[in-house]
Amino acid sequence: MDTASTPPLDRIRVGSAPDSWGVWFPDDPQQVPWERFLDEVAEAGYEWIELGPYGYLPTDPARLTDETARRGLKVSAGTVFTSLHRGPAVWDATWEHVSQVASLTQAMGARHLVVIPSFWRDDKTAEIIEPSELTGEQWAHLTEGMERLGHEVRERFGLDIVVHPHADTHIDTEEHVERFLDSTDRDLVNLCLDTGHYAYCGGDNVKLIETYGERIGYLHLKQVDPEILADVVKNGVPFGPAVQRGVMCEPPTGVPALEPVLTAAQRLGVDLFAIVEQDMYPCPPDQPLPIALRTRGFLRSCGA
């Protein structure tokens, strides 16, 4: 990488997340205990973390503050899953879940809530739950619901929502992401651009940052193995089994190249979190730390 022509990445704050330790669920025997995650993410050299699935880390703010502070860690965001395309009938249940996560996120001093649309395919069994394409009415429910969520979360908790395009959800491809952004208010709803998921779904990360820069509020750093992805796309493999095949790979071995993505993000001239998330559920317990150490070293070499 030509450092002479590349701006220093001084607007990018790098972190990691339970996802990079194979954590997808609040409680699962295939996952490492939360204490080990916190110990190892600090050992790998990260300062910022996300909460991961609500209930994986302690949900008592005083206890979590103690556990993170003594390891030199700070929280950048919480995460929620929503199915707002189903309309007003799901609002109350959605808000109950969001309030729990947002309350802890706020108490930990974070400013962002990552919002992931619900899967149309079950993430454990791969059973198809509903159609992969939304109707016009469902799109309206989705966009209006996200705007309401953005407004309520800011009013009550002082947090900004960042919506995460994700494989096997209704906000995935370039077409769907652009439709979603064009249909929502930038003052209420912005994007958590996950570089791996967007590439997985055929999108160009740098192009999206350059075209919709004012809507990029947060980054997840992830790469895709192009050979495994080609087979996944060809055979319609669901996301869960694709992850088990290693479709989300260790940087810098996959796509997209992260240097141009980080450079494009730096050029936006705003402070952005860039949280490393390598989907590895499930994985051997000794696998994440060496990868995390190498990934942190790689990102340092990029200037982050």
C-alpha atoms as a PDB file:
ATOM      1  CA  MET A   1       0.000   0.000   0.000  1.00  0.00           C
ATOM      2  CA  ASP A   2       1.413   3.401  -1.010  1.00  0.00           C
ATOM      3  CA  THR A   3       1.390   5.320   2.259  1.00  0.00           C
ATOM      4  CA  ALA A   4       2.606   8.522   0.595  1.00  0.00           C
ATOM      5  CA  SER A   5      -0.669   8.987  -1.304  1.00  0.00           C
ATOM      6  CA  THR A   6      -2.923   7.514   1.364  1.00  0.00           C
ATOM      7  CA  PRO A   7      -4.388   9.704   4.105  1.00  0.00           C
ATOM      8  CA  PRO A   8      -3.708   8.466   7.635  1.00  0.00           C
ATOM      9  CA  LEU A   9      -6.769   6.640   8.935  1.00  0.00           C
ATOM     10  CA  ASP A  10      -7.191   8.981  11.888  1.00  0.00           C
ATOM     11  CA  ARG A  11     -11.008   9.073  11.612  1.00  0.00           C
ATOM     12  CA  ILE A  12     -11.341   5.270  11.875  1.00  0.00           C
ATOM     13  CA  ARG A  13     -11.698   3.645  15.305  1.00  0.00           C
ATOM     14  CA  VAL A  14     -11.077  -0.084  15.063  1.00  0.00           C
ATOM     15  CA  GLY A  15     -12.663  -2.676  17.341  1.00  0.00           C
ATOM     16  CA  SER A  16     -13.906  -6.259  17.403  1.00  0.00           C
ATOM     17  CA  ALA A  17     -16.994  -8.155  18.481  1.00  0.00           C
ATOM     18  CA  PRO A  18     -18.181 -11.472  19.947  1.00  0.00           C
ATOM     19  CA  ASP A  19     -18.965 -12.539  16.372  1.00  0.00           C
ATOM     20  CA  SER A  20     -15.224 -12.860  15.699  1.00  0.00           C
ATOM     21  CA  TRP A  21     -15.124 -15.399  18.549  1.00  0.00           C
ATOM     22  CA  GLY A  22     -17.862 -17.537  16.993  1.00  0.00           C
ATOM     23  CA  VAL A  23     -20.680 -16.040  19.082  1.00  0.00           C
ATOM     24  CA  TRP A  24     -24.111 -15.811  17.441  1.00  0.00           C
ATOM     25  CA  PHE A  25     -26.457 -16.545  20.334  1.00  0.00           C
ATOM     26  CA  PRO A  26     -26.915 -15.348  23.937  1.00  0.00           C
ATOM     27  CA  ASP A  27     -26.206 -18.855  25.224  1.00  0.00           C
ATOM     28  CA  ASP A  28     -24.874 -21.802  23.245  1.00  0.00           C
ATOM     29  CA  PRO A  29     -22.614 -24.687  24.289  1.00  0.00           C
ATOM     30  CA  GLN A  30     -20.562 -24.278  21.085  1.00  0.00           C
ATOM     31  CA  GLN A  31     -19.483 -20.739  22.074  1.00  0.00           C
ATOM     32  CA  VAL A  32     -16.619 -19.546  24.266  1.00  0.00           C
ATOM     33  CA  PRO A  33     -17.568 -18.165  27.698  1.00  0.00           C
ATOM     34  CA  TRP A  34     -17.920 -14.374  27.754  1.00  0.00           C
ATOM     35  CA  GLU A  35     -15.004 -13.953  30.192  1.00  0.00           C
ATOM     36  CA  ARG A  36     -12.689 -15.620  27.696  1.00  0.00           C
ATOM     37  CA  PHE A  37     -13.947 -13.393  24.882  1.00  0.00           C
ATOM     38  CA  LEU A  38     -13.236 -10.243  26.926  1.00  0.00           C
ATOM     39  CA  ASP A  39      -9.780 -11.496  27.983  1.00  0.00           C
ATOM     40  CA  GLU A  40      -8.788 -12.418  24.441  1.00  0.00           C
ATOM     41  CA  VAL A  41     -10.199  -9.394  22.631  1.00  0.00           C
ATOM     42  CA  ALA A  42      -8.142  -7.195  24.982  1.00  0.00           C
ATOM     43  CA  GLU A  43      -5.079  -9.407  24.484  1.00  0.00           C
ATOM     44  CA  ALA A  44      -5.462  -9.029  20.709  1.00  0.00           C
ATOM     45  CA  GLY A  45      -5.020  -5.282  21.101  1.00  0.00           C
ATOM     46  CA  TYR A  46      -8.566  -4.024  20.639  1.00  0.00           C
ATOM     47  CA  GLU A  47      -9.987  -1.207  22.748  1.00  0.00           C
ATOM     48  CA  TRP A  48     -13.558  -1.154  21.395  1.00  0.00           C
ATOM     49  CA  ILE A  49     -16.120  -3.977  21.408  1.00  0.00           C
ATOM     50  CA  GLU A  50     -19.788  -4.492  20.638  1.00  0.00           C
ATOM     51  CA  LEU A  51     -22.224  -6.156  23.029  1.00  0.00           C
ATOM     52  CA  GLY A  52     -23.034  -9.026  20.651  1.00  0.00           C
ATOM     53  CA  PRO A  53     -26.272 -10.978  21.180  1.00  0.00           C
ATOM     54  CA  TYR A  54     -28.127  -9.489  24.158  1.00  0.00           C
ATOM     55  CA  GLY A  55     -27.498 -11.716  27.166  1.00  0.00           C
ATOM     56  CA  TYR A  56     -24.124 -13.066  26.067  1.00  0.00           C
ATOM     57  CA  LEU A  57     -22.224 -10.421  28.049  1.00  0.00           C
ATOM     58  CA  PRO A  58     -23.552  -9.471  31.507  1.00  0.00           C
ATOM     59  CA  THR A  59     -26.639  -7.263  31.184  1.00  0.00           C
ATOM     60  CA  ASP A  60     -26.136  -5.486  34.518  1.00  0.00           C
ATOM     61  CA  PRO A  61     -24.440  -2.197  33.544  1.00  0.00           C
ATOM     62  CA  ALA A  62     -22.421  -1.925  36.760  1.00  0.00           C
ATOM     63  CA  ARG A  63     -21.002  -5.415  36.383  1.00  0.00           C
ATOM     64  CA  LEU A  64     -20.308  -5.030  32.675  1.00  0.00           C
ATOM     65  CA  THR A  65     -18.645  -1.666  33.265  1.00  0.00           C
ATOM     66  CA  ASP A  66     -16.366  -3.284  35.839  1.00  0.00           C
ATOM     67  CA  GLU A  67     -15.544  -6.234  33.574  1.00  0.00           C
ATOM     68  CA  THR A  68     -14.755  -4.057  30.540  1.00  0.00           C
ATOM     69  CA  ALA A  69     -12.948  -1.268  32.389  1.00  0.00           C
ATOM     70  CA  ARG A  70     -10.455  -3.562  34.100  1.00  0.00           C
ATOM     71  CA  ARG A  71      -9.533  -4.960  30.690  1.00  0.00           C
ATOM     72  CA  GLY A  72      -9.235  -1.511  29.101  1.00  0.00           C
ATOM     73  CA  LEU A  73     -12.292  -2.053  26.878  1.00  0.00           C
ATOM     74  CA  LYS A  74     -15.109   0.288  25.809  1.00  0.00           C
ATOM     75  CA  VAL A  75     -18.412  -0.456  24.076  1.00  0.00           C
ATOM     76  CA  SER A  76     -19.140   1.028  20.632  1.00  0.00           C
ATOM     77  CA  ALA A  77     -22.646  -0.380  19.986  1.00  0.00           C
ATOM     78  CA  GLY A  78     -25.414  -2.794  20.816  1.00  0.00           C
ATOM     79  CA  THR A  79     -27.232  -4.973  18.268  1.00  0.00           C
ATOM     80  CA  VAL A  80     -30.910  -5.765  17.711  1.00  0.00           C
ATOM     81  CA  PHE A  81     -32.805  -7.912  15.211  1.00  0.00           C
ATOM     82  CA  THR A  82     -36.107  -6.565  13.887  1.00  0.00           C
ATOM     83  CA  SER A  83     -38.905  -7.681  11.553  1.00  0.00           C
ATOM     84  CA  LEU A  84     -40.497  -4.292  10.961  1.00  0.00           C
ATOM     85  CA  HIS A  85     -41.583  -5.253   7.419  1.00  0.00           C
ATOM     86  CA  ARG A  86     -44.399  -7.152   9.139  1.00  0.00           C
ATOM     87  CA  GLY A  87     -46.064  -3.870  10.042  1.00  0.00           C
ATOM     88  CA  PRO A  88     -47.399  -2.118  13.157  1.00  0.00           C
ATOM     89  CA  ALA A  89     -48.507  -5.413  14.739  1.00  0.00           C
ATOM     90  CA  VAL A  90     -44.876  -6.228  15.644  1.00  0.00           C
ATOM     91  CA  TRP A  91     -44.008  -2.780  17.025  1.00  0.00           C
ATOM     92  CA  ASP A  92     -44.680  -3.456  20.725  1.00  0.00           C
ATOM     93  CA  ALA A  93     -42.653  -6.686  20.810  1.00  0.00           C
ATOM     94  CA  THR A  94     -39.886  -5.006  18.778  1.00  0.00           C
ATOM     95  CA  TRP A  95     -39.755  -2.008  21.105  1.00  0.00           C
ATOM     96  CA  GLU A  96     -39.591  -4.218  24.210  1.00  0.00           C
ATOM     97  CA  HIS A  97     -36.475  -5.940  22.825  1.00  0.00           C
ATOM     98  CA  VAL A  98     -34.939  -2.723  21.486  1.00  0.00           C
ATOM     99  CA  SER A  99     -35.471  -0.935  24.818  1.00  0.00           C
ATOM    100  CA  GLN A 100     -33.572  -3.633  26.716  1.00  0.00           C
ATOM    101  CA  VAL A 101     -30.580  -3.480  24.392  1.00  0.00           C
ATOM    102  CA  ALA A 102     -30.658   0.295  23.978  1.00  0.00           C
ATOM    103  CA  SER A 103     -30.768   0.817  27.743  1.00  0.00           C
ATOM    104  CA  LEU A 104     -27.616  -1.255  28.257  1.00  0.00           C
ATOM    105  CA  THR A 105     -25.939   0.326  25.225  1.00  0.00           C
ATOM    106  CA  GLN A 106     -26.633   3.808  26.599  1.00  0.00           C
ATOM    107  CA  ALA A 107     -25.450   2.828  30.090  1.00  0.00           C
ATOM    108  CA  MET A 108     -22.143   1.637  28.596  1.00  0.00           C
ATOM    109  CA  GLY A 109     -21.557   5.047  27.019  1.00  0.00           C
ATOM    110  CA  ALA A 110     -22.025   3.865  23.421  1.00  0.00           C
ATOM    111  CA  ARG A 111     -23.791   5.978  20.795  1.00  0.00           C
ATOM    112  CA  HIS A 112     -24.891   3.415  18.188  1.00  0.00           C
ATOM    113  CA  LEU A 113     -27.483   0.685  17.889  1.00  0.00           C
ATOM    114  CA  VAL A 114     -26.864  -1.751  15.008  1.00  0.00           C
ATOM    115  CA  VAL A 115     -30.218  -2.891  13.584  1.00  0.00           C
ATOM    116  CA  ILE A 116     -30.295  -6.126  11.563  1.00  0.00           C
ATOM    117  CA  PRO A 117     -33.418  -7.032   9.563  1.00  0.00           C
ATOM    118  CA  SER A 118     -34.866 -10.454  10.321  1.00  0.00           C
ATOM    119  CA  PHE A 119     -33.821 -13.455   8.227  1.00  0.00           C
ATOM    120  CA  TRP A 120     -36.190 -14.844   5.608  1.00  0.00           C
ATOM    121  CA  ARG A 121     -34.406 -18.168   6.129  1.00  0.00           C
ATOM    122  CA  ASP A 122     -33.845 -19.694   9.588  1.00  0.00           C
ATOM    123  CA  ASP A 123     -30.218 -19.101  10.616  1.00  0.00           C
ATOM    124  CA  LYS A 124     -29.911 -22.493  12.319  1.00  0.00           C
ATOM    125  CA  THR A 125     -32.073 -24.860  10.231  1.00  0.00           C
ATOM    126  CA  ALA A 126     -31.959 -22.928   6.881  1.00  0.00           C
ATOM    127  CA  GLU A 127     -35.718 -23.488   6.557  1.00  0.00           C
ATOM    128  CA  ILE A 128     -37.327 -20.802   4.358  1.00  0.00           C
ATOM    129  CA  ILE A 129     -39.613 -18.775   6.625  1.00  0.00           C
ATOM    130  CA  GLU A 130     -41.007 -16.248   4.125  1.00  0.00           C
ATOM    131  CA  PRO A 131     -40.350 -14.951   0.580  1.00  0.00           C
ATOM    132  CA  SER A 132     -36.967 -13.345  -0.076  1.00  0.00           C
ATOM    133  CA  GLU A 133     -38.599 -10.373  -1.834  1.00  0.00           C
ATOM    134  CA  LEU A 134     -40.872  -7.905  -0.045  1.00  0.00           C
ATOM    135  CA  THR A 135     -44.139  -6.587  -1.444  1.00  0.00           C
ATOM    136  CA  GLY A 136     -44.567  -2.832  -1.902  1.00  0.00           C
ATOM    137  CA  GLU A 137     -46.644  -2.711   1.276  1.00  0.00           C
ATOM    138  CA  GLN A 138     -43.935  -4.565   3.216  1.00  0.00           C
ATOM    139  CA  TRP A 139     -41.274  -2.146   1.943  1.00  0.00           C
ATOM    140  CA  ALA A 140     -43.401   0.721   3.235  1.00  0.00           C
ATOM    141  CA  HIS A 141     -43.758  -1.005   6.614  1.00  0.00           C
ATOM    142  CA  LEU A 142     -39.988  -1.586   6.715  1.00  0.00           C
ATOM    143  CA  THR A 143     -38.941   1.967   5.874  1.00  0.00           C
ATOM    144  CA  GLU A 144     -41.584   3.674   8.009  1.00  0.00           C
ATOM    145  CA  GLY A 145     -40.861   1.308  10.897  1.00  0.00           C
ATOM    146  CA  MET A 146     -37.116   1.997  10.723  1.00  0.00           C
ATOM    147  CA  GLU A 147     -37.734   5.755  10.713  1.00  0.00           C
ATOM    148  CA  ARG A 148     -39.994   5.421  13.749  1.00  0.00           C
ATOM    149  CA  LEU A 149     -37.361   3.262  15.431  1.00  0.00           C
ATOM    150  CA  GLY A 150     -34.634   5.810  14.663  1.00  0.00           C
ATOM    151  CA  HIS A 151     -36.750   8.613  16.115  1.00  0.00           C
ATOM    152  CA  GLU A 152     -37.767   6.726  19.275  1.00  0.00           C
ATOM    153  CA  VAL A 153     -34.281   5.376  19.996  1.00  0.00           C
ATOM    154  CA  ARG A 154     -32.772   8.856  19.697  1.00  0.00           C
ATOM    155  CA  GLU A 155     -35.490  10.523  21.774  1.00  0.00           C
ATOM    156  CA  ARG A 156     -35.437   7.982  24.606  1.00  0.00           C
ATOM    157  CA  PHE A 157     -31.850   6.767  24.649  1.00  0.00           C
ATOM    158  CA  GLY A 158     -29.784   9.320  22.716  1.00  0.00           C
ATOM    159  CA  LEU A 159     -28.543   6.633  20.308  1.00  0.00           C
ATOM    160  CA  ASP A 160     -28.285   6.613  16.509  1.00  0.00           C
ATOM    161  CA  ILE A 161     -29.539   3.530  14.684  1.00  0.00           C
ATOM    162  CA  VAL A 162     -27.392   2.093  11.879  1.00  0.00           C
ATOM    163  CA  VAL A 163     -29.123  -0.523   9.735  1.00  0.00           C
ATOM    164  CA  HIS A 164     -26.988  -3.506   8.765  1.00  0.00           C
ATOM    165  CA  PRO A 165     -27.499  -5.028   5.280  1.00  0.00           C
ATOM    166  CA  HIS A 166     -27.169  -8.782   5.810  1.00  0.00           C
ATOM    167  CA  ALA A 167     -27.215 -11.962   3.739  1.00  0.00           C
ATOM    168  CA  ASP A 168     -30.516 -13.861   3.776  1.00  0.00           C
ATOM    169  CA  THR A 169     -32.445 -10.728   4.846  1.00  0.00           C
ATOM    170  CA  HIS A 170     -34.510  -8.297   2.805  1.00  0.00           C
ATOM    171  CA  ILE A 171     -31.789  -5.609   2.859  1.00  0.00           C
ATOM    172  CA  ASP A 172     -28.907  -7.358   1.128  1.00  0.00           C
ATOM    173  CA  THR A 173     -28.107  -6.576  -2.515  1.00  0.00           C
ATOM    174  CA  GLU A 174     -27.057  -3.235  -3.998  1.00  0.00           C
ATOM    175  CA  GLU A 175     -30.580  -2.794  -5.395  1.00  0.00           C
ATOM    176  CA  HIS A 176     -32.233  -3.422  -2.023  1.00  0.00           C
ATOM    177  CA  VAL A 177     -29.742  -1.310  -0.063  1.00  0.00           C
ATOM    178  CA  GLU A 178     -30.137   1.653  -2.420  1.00  0.00           C
ATOM    179  CA  ARG A 179     -33.928   1.313  -2.376  1.00  0.00           C
ATOM    180  CA  PHE A 180     -33.859   1.305   1.421  1.00  0.00           C
ATOM    181  CA  LEU A 181     -31.600   4.369   1.626  1.00  0.00           C
ATOM    182  CA  ASP A 182     -33.606   6.272  -0.999  1.00  0.00           C
ATOM    183  CA  SER A 183     -36.808   5.553   0.961  1.00  0.00           C
ATOM    184  CA  THR A 184     -35.606   6.646   4.417  1.00  0.00           C
ATOM    185  CA  ASP A 185     -34.733   9.926   6.122  1.00  0.00           C
ATOM    186  CA  ARG A 186     -30.973  10.395   6.571  1.00  0.00           C
ATOM    187  CA  ASP A 187     -31.622  12.285   9.819  1.00  0.00           C
ATOM    188  CA  LEU A 188     -33.255   9.190  11.347  1.00  0.00           C
ATOM    189  CA  VAL A 189     -31.722   6.153   9.632  1.00  0.00           C
ATOM    190  CA  ASN A 190     -28.195   5.478   8.452  1.00  0.00           C
ATOM    191  CA  LEU A 191     -26.179   2.410   7.511  1.00  0.00           C
ATOM    192  CA  CYS A 192     -23.858  -0.013   9.209  1.00  0.00           C
ATOM    193  CA  LEU A 193     -21.957  -1.126   6.119  1.00  0.00           C
ATOM    194  CA  ASP A 194     -20.735  -4.677   6.617  1.00  0.00           C
ATOM    195  CA  THR A 195     -18.065  -5.075   3.956  1.00  0.00           C
ATOM    196  CA  GLY A 196     -18.329  -8.872   3.896  1.00  0.00           C
ATOM    197  CA  HIS A 197     -22.112  -9.116   3.719  1.00  0.00           C
ATOM    198  CA  TYR A 198     -22.302  -6.472   1.011  1.00  0.00           C
ATOM    199  CA  ALA A 199     -19.663  -8.300  -1.056  1.00  0.00           C
ATOM    200  CA  TYR A 200     -21.407 -11.641  -0.334  1.00  0.00           C
ATOM    201  CA  CYS A 201     -24.557 -10.164  -1.876  1.00  0.00           C
ATOM    202  CA  GLY A 202     -22.704  -8.793  -4.917  1.00  0.00           C
ATOM    203  CA  GLY A 203     -22.302  -5.152  -3.870  1.00  0.00           C
ATOM    204  CA  ASP A 204     -19.328  -2.806  -4.418  1.00  0.00           C
ATOM    205  CA  ASN A 205     -18.346  -1.373  -1.023  1.00  0.00           C
ATOM    206  CA  VAL A 206     -16.187   1.509  -2.273  1.00  0.00           C
ATOM    207  CA  LYS A 207     -18.875   2.561  -4.759  1.00  0.00           C
ATOM    208  CA  LEU A 208     -21.513   2.585  -1.988  1.00  0.00           C
ATOM    209  CA  ILE A 209     -19.290   4.701   0.300  1.00  0.00           C
ATOM    210  CA  GLU A 210     -18.545   7.143  -2.520  1.00  0.00           C
ATOM    211  CA  THR A 211     -22.198   7.349  -3.659  1.00  0.00           C
ATOM    212  CA  TYR A 212     -24.012   7.334  -0.310  1.00  0.00           C
ATOM    213  CA  GLY A 213     -21.228   8.659   1.912  1.00  0.00           C
ATOM    214  CA  GLU A 214     -23.511  10.792   4.063  1.00  0.00           C
ATOM    215  CA  ARG A 215     -25.491   7.651   4.987  1.00  0.00           C
ATOM    216  CA  ILE A 216     -22.496   5.588   6.183  1.00  0.00           C
ATOM    217  CA  GLY A 217     -22.643   5.780   9.964  1.00  0.00           C
ATOM    218  CA  TYR A 218     -20.664   2.708  11.011  1.00  0.00           C
ATOM    219  CA  LEU A 219     -18.579  -0.098   9.500  1.00  0.00           C
ATOM    220  CA  HIS A 220     -18.199  -3.819  10.064  1.00  0.00           C
ATOM    221  CA  LEU A 221     -14.961  -5.152   8.566  1.00  0.00           C
ATOM    222  CA  LYS A 222     -15.272  -8.600   7.052  1.00  0.00           C
ATOM    223  CA  GLN A 223     -14.040 -10.478   3.990  1.00  0.00           C
ATOM    224  CA  VAL A 224     -15.470 -13.215   1.786  1.00  0.00           C
ATOM    225  CA  ASP A 225     -13.628 -16.141   0.204  1.00  0.00           C
ATOM    226  CA  PRO A 226     -14.489 -15.675  -3.507  1.00  0.00           C
ATOM    227  CA  GLU A 227     -14.150 -19.374  -4.403  1.00  0.00           C
ATOM    228  CA  ILE A 228     -16.439 -20.557  -1.609  1.00  0.00           C
ATOM    229  CA  LEU A 229     -18.840 -17.699  -2.371  1.00  0.00           C
ATOM    230  CA  ALA A 230     -19.064 -18.720  -6.049  1.00  0.00           C
ATOM    231  CA  ASP A 231     -20.144 -22.211  -4.993  1.00  0.00           C
ATOM    232  CA  VAL A 232     -22.563 -20.803  -2.388  1.00  0.00           C
ATOM    233  CA  VAL A 233     -24.230 -18.593  -5.012  1.00  0.00           C
ATOM    234  CA  LYS A 234     -24.274 -21.334  -7.653  1.00  0.00           C
ATOM    235  CA  ASN A 235     -25.933 -23.846  -5.325  1.00  0.00           C
ATOM    236  CA  GLY A 236     -28.130 -21.472  -3.312  1.00  0.00           C
ATOM    237  CA  VAL A 237     -26.439 -22.413  -0.044  1.00  0.00           C
ATOM    238  CA  PRO A 238     -28.034 -20.710   3.017  1.00  0.00           C
ATOM    239  CA  PHE A 239     -25.934 -18.283   5.022  1.00  0.00           C
ATOM    240  CA  GLY A 240     -25.442 -20.483   8.127  1.00  0.00           C
ATOM    241  CA  PRO A 241     -24.016 -23.474   6.231  1.00  0.00           C
ATOM    242  CA  ALA A 242     -21.973 -21.071   4.071  1.00  0.00           C
ATOM    243  CA  VAL A 243     -20.319 -19.691   7.218  1.00  0.00           C
ATOM    244  CA  GLN A 244     -19.554 -23.226   8.378  1.00  0.00           C
ATOM    245  CA  ARG A 245     -17.777 -23.752   5.037  1.00  0.00           C
ATOM    246  CA  GLY A 246     -15.601 -20.711   5.780  1.00  0.00           C
ATOM    247  CA  VAL A 247     -17.176 -18.245   3.346  1.00  0.00           C
ATOM    248  CA  MET A 248     -16.248 -15.392   5.710  1.00  0.00           C
ATOM    249  CA  CYS A 249     -12.456 -15.592   5.807  1.00  0.00           C
ATOM    250  CA  GLU A 250      -9.505 -14.064   7.608  1.00  0.00           C
ATOM    251  CA  PRO A 251      -8.228 -10.760   6.191  1.00  0.00           C
ATOM    252  CA  PRO A 252      -6.448 -10.077   3.934  1.00  0.00           C
ATOM    253  CA  THR A 253      -7.153 -13.353   2.101  1.00  0.00           C
ATOM    254  CA  GLY A 254     -10.606 -12.439   0.750  1.00  0.00           C
ATOM    255  CA  VAL A 255     -12.689  -9.688  -0.836  1.00  0.00           C
ATOM    256  CA  PRO A 256     -13.262  -6.803  -0.716  1.00  0.00           C
ATOM    257  CA  ALA A 257      -9.734  -5.453  -0.258  1.00  0.00           C
ATOM    258  CA  LEU A 258     -10.010  -3.505   3.004  1.00  0.00           C
ATOM    259  CA  GLU A 259      -7.387  -0.816   2.268  1.00  0.00           C
ATOM    260  CA  PRO A 260      -9.493   0.983  -0.405  1.00  0.00           C
ATOM    261  CA  VAL A 261     -12.632   0.616   1.727  1.00  0.00           C
ATOM    262  CA  LEU A 262     -10.905   2.214   4.737  1.00  0.00           C
ATOM    263  CA  THR A 263      -9.407   4.934   2.553  1.00  0.00           C
ATOM    264  CA  ALA A 264     -12.832   5.751   1.075  1.00  0.00           C
ATOM    265  CA  ALA A 265     -14.306   5.860   4.571  1.00  0.00           C
ATOM    266  CA  GLN A 266     -11.498   8.125   5.818  1.00  0.00           C
ATOM    267  CA  ARG A 267     -12.221  10.544   2.957  1.00  0.00           C
ATOM    268  CA  LEU A 268     -15.761  11.056   4.269  1.00  0.00           C
ATOM    269  CA  GLY A 269     -14.178  13.243   6.944  1.00  0.00           C
ATOM    270  CA  VAL A 270     -16.253  11.896   9.855  1.00  0.00           C
ATOM    271  CA  ASP A 271     -15.350   9.688  12.805  1.00  0.00           C
ATOM    272  CA  LEU A 272     -16.380   6.094  12.136  1.00  0.00           C
ATOM    273  CA  PHE A 273     -16.158   2.876  14.066  1.00  0.00           C
ATOM    274  CA  ALA A 274     -14.819  -0.054  12.035  1.00  0.00           C
ATOM    275  CA  ILE A 275     -15.589  -3.224  13.969  1.00  0.00           C
ATOM    276  CA  VAL A 276     -13.966  -6.478  12.866  1.00  0.00           C
ATOM    277  CA  GLU A 277     -16.540  -9.232  12.503  1.00  0.00           C
ATOM    278  CA  GLN A 278     -15.461 -12.549  11.076  1.00  0.00           C
ATOM    279  CA  ASP A 279     -18.464 -14.877  11.102  1.00  0.00           C
ATOM    280  CA  MET A 280     -17.185 -18.196  12.438  1.00  0.00           C
ATOM    281  CA  TYR A 281     -20.129 -19.897  14.146  1.00  0.00           C
ATOM    282  CA  PRO A 282     -19.359 -22.495  15.322  1.00  0.00           C
ATOM    283  CA  CYS A 283     -15.595 -22.661  15.692  1.00  0.00           C
ATOM    284  CA  PRO A 284     -12.998 -24.398  17.899  1.00  0.00           C
ATOM    285  CA  PRO A 285     -12.376 -22.309  21.046  1.00  0.00           C
ATOM    286  CA  ASP A 286      -8.657 -21.864  20.338  1.00  0.00           C
ATOM    287  CA  GLN A 287      -9.183 -20.570  16.784  1.00  0.00           C
ATOM    288  CA  PRO A 288     -10.329 -16.909  17.317  1.00  0.00           C
ATOM    289  CA  LEU A 289      -7.425 -15.380  19.265  1.00  0.00           C
ATOM    290  CA  PRO A 290      -4.617 -16.104  16.760  1.00  0.00           C
ATOM    291  CA  ILE A 291      -6.835 -14.799  13.933  1.00  0.00           C
ATOM    292  CA  ALA A 292      -7.682 -11.689  15.964  1.00  0.00           C
ATOM    293  CA  LEU A 293      -3.997 -10.984  16.619  1.00  0.00           C
ATOM    294  CA  ARG A 294      -3.119 -11.342  12.930  1.00  0.00           C
ATOM    295  CA  THR A 295      -6.109  -9.230  11.854  1.00  0.00           C
ATOM    296  CA  ARG A 296      -5.210  -6.440  14.276  1.00  0.00           C
ATOM    297  CA  GLY A 297      -1.668  -6.501  12.905  1.00  0.00           C
ATOM    298  CA  PHE A 298      -2.964  -6.345   9.341  1.00  0.00           C
ATOM    299  CA  LEU A 299      -5.200  -3.351  10.113  1.00  0.00           C
ATOM    300  CA  ARG A 300      -2.279  -1.571  11.772  1.00  0.00           C
ATOM    301  CA  SER A 301      -0.301  -2.104   8.569  1.00  0.00           C
ATOM    302  CA  CYS A 302      -3.168  -0.364   6.709  1.00  0.00           C
ATOM    303  CA  GLY A 303      -2.812   2.622   9.039  1.00  0.00           C
ATOM    304  CA  ALA A 304      -5.833   1.876  11.246  1.00  0.00           C
END
